[in-house]
Amino acid sequence: MTLTDKVIVSSQTVARQVGDETVILHLGSCTYYSLDSVGARIWQLIEEGRTLKEICDVVVDEYEVLREDVERDIRSLINDLLAHDLVGAS
């Protein structure tokens, strides 16, 4: 995936905010997943239809972290979400 790509939430996925976390249920496998507060913020940005670049921009701005660290970590998270069929590429 490139930074200009968008990620879309799978139709097999239902997510809810619970405190600072997001809990995700994959309807096909009936498996629950949980994202911490930063992951929850990224999930929210995915739901808003942001590109990976835009998501990185927001995270760098809001959390004051290094750009290269954010890009690496977001790519890793997206790959995990893709592997569990929670999102798809757009």
Protein backbone atom coordinates (compact mmCIF):
# COMPACT_ATOMS: atom_id res chain seq x y z
CA MET A 1 0.00 0.00 0.00
CA THR A 2 1.11 3.54 -0.69
CA LEU A 3 0.40 6.63 1.37
CA THR A 4 -2.10 7.82 -1.25
CA ASP A 5 -4.26 4.71 -0.74
CA LYS A 6 -7.40 4.62 1.37
CA VAL A 7 -8.44 1.77 3.60
CA ILE A 8 -12.11 0.89 3.91
CA VAL A 9 -13.82 -0.88 6.76
CA SER A 10 -14.95 -4.39 5.81
CA SER A 11 -18.70 -5.01 5.53
CA GLN A 12 -18.07 -7.95 7.88
CA THR A 13 -16.92 -5.57 10.62
CA VAL A 14 -18.79 -3.80 13.41
CA ALA A 15 -16.90 -1.43 15.71
CA ARG A 16 -17.81 0.48 18.87
CA GLN A 17 -15.96 2.97 21.01
CA VAL A 18 -15.61 1.71 24.60
CA GLY A 19 -13.85 4.28 26.75
CA ASP A 20 -10.52 5.08 25.09
CA GLU A 21 -10.54 1.85 23.08
CA THR A 22 -12.34 0.61 20.01
CA VAL A 23 -13.75 -2.90 20.08
CA ILE A 24 -14.17 -4.55 16.68
CA LEU A 25 -16.23 -7.64 15.88
CA HIS A 26 -15.66 -9.57 12.68
CA LEU A 27 -19.12 -10.95 11.90
CA GLY A 28 -17.86 -13.82 9.74
CA SER A 29 -15.52 -15.30 12.33
CA CYS A 30 -17.27 -13.91 15.44
CA THR A 31 -13.87 -12.77 16.65
CA TYR A 32 -13.37 -9.65 18.78
CA TYR A 33 -10.43 -7.31 18.43
CA SER A 34 -9.45 -4.30 20.51
CA LEU A 35 -7.52 -1.17 19.59
CA ASP A 36 -5.88 1.08 22.18
CA SER A 37 -6.53 4.83 22.15
CA VAL A 38 -4.09 5.55 19.30
CA GLY A 39 -5.39 2.61 17.28
CA ALA A 40 -8.94 3.82 18.00
CA ARG A 41 -8.05 7.24 16.61
CA ILE A 42 -6.60 5.63 13.48
CA TRP A 43 -9.76 3.52 13.11
CA GLN A 44 -11.84 6.71 13.33
CA LEU A 45 -9.75 8.30 10.58
CA ILE A 46 -10.16 5.18 8.41
CA GLU A 47 -13.94 5.44 8.88
CA GLU A 48 -13.75 9.09 7.77
CA GLY A 49 -12.25 7.94 4.45
CA ARG A 50 -8.82 9.50 4.95
CA THR A 51 -5.80 8.40 2.92
CA LEU A 52 -2.88 6.81 4.75
CA LYS A 53 -0.95 10.07 4.27
CA GLU A 54 -3.77 12.06 5.87
CA ILE A 55 -3.95 9.58 8.75
CA CYS A 56 -0.20 9.90 9.29
CA ASP A 57 -0.47 13.71 9.20
CA VAL A 58 -3.14 13.70 11.91
CA VAL A 59 -1.27 11.26 14.15
CA VAL A 60 2.01 13.20 13.83
CA ASP A 61 0.20 16.42 14.68
CA GLU A 62 -1.91 15.09 17.56
CA TYR A 63 0.70 12.88 19.24
CA GLU A 64 3.90 14.79 18.39
CA VAL A 65 5.83 11.73 17.21
CA LEU A 66 8.35 11.23 14.43
CA ARG A 67 6.88 10.88 10.95
CA GLU A 68 8.93 7.79 10.04
CA ASP A 69 7.79 6.02 13.23
CA VAL A 70 4.15 6.85 12.50
CA GLU A 71 4.35 5.64 8.91
CA ARG A 72 5.98 2.37 9.99
CA ASP A 73 3.48 1.76 12.80
CA ILE A 74 0.43 2.64 10.72
CA ARG A 75 1.56 0.35 7.90
CA SER A 76 2.01 -2.43 10.46
CA LEU A 77 -1.46 -1.83 11.93
CA ILE A 78 -3.07 -1.71 8.49
CA ASN A 79 -1.36 -4.96 7.51
CA ASP A 80 -2.72 -6.61 10.69
CA LEU A 81 -6.22 -5.27 9.99
CA LEU A 82 -6.00 -6.52 6.39
CA ALA A 83 -4.78 -9.95 7.53
CA HIS A 84 -7.84 -10.31 9.78
CA ASP A 85 -10.22 -9.05 7.05
CA LEU A 86 -11.25 -6.06 9.17
CA VAL A 87 -10.45 -3.61 6.36
CA GLY A 88 -9.81 -3.67 2.65
CA ALA A 89 -7.78 -1.53 0.27
CA SER A 90 -9.45 1.13 -1.81
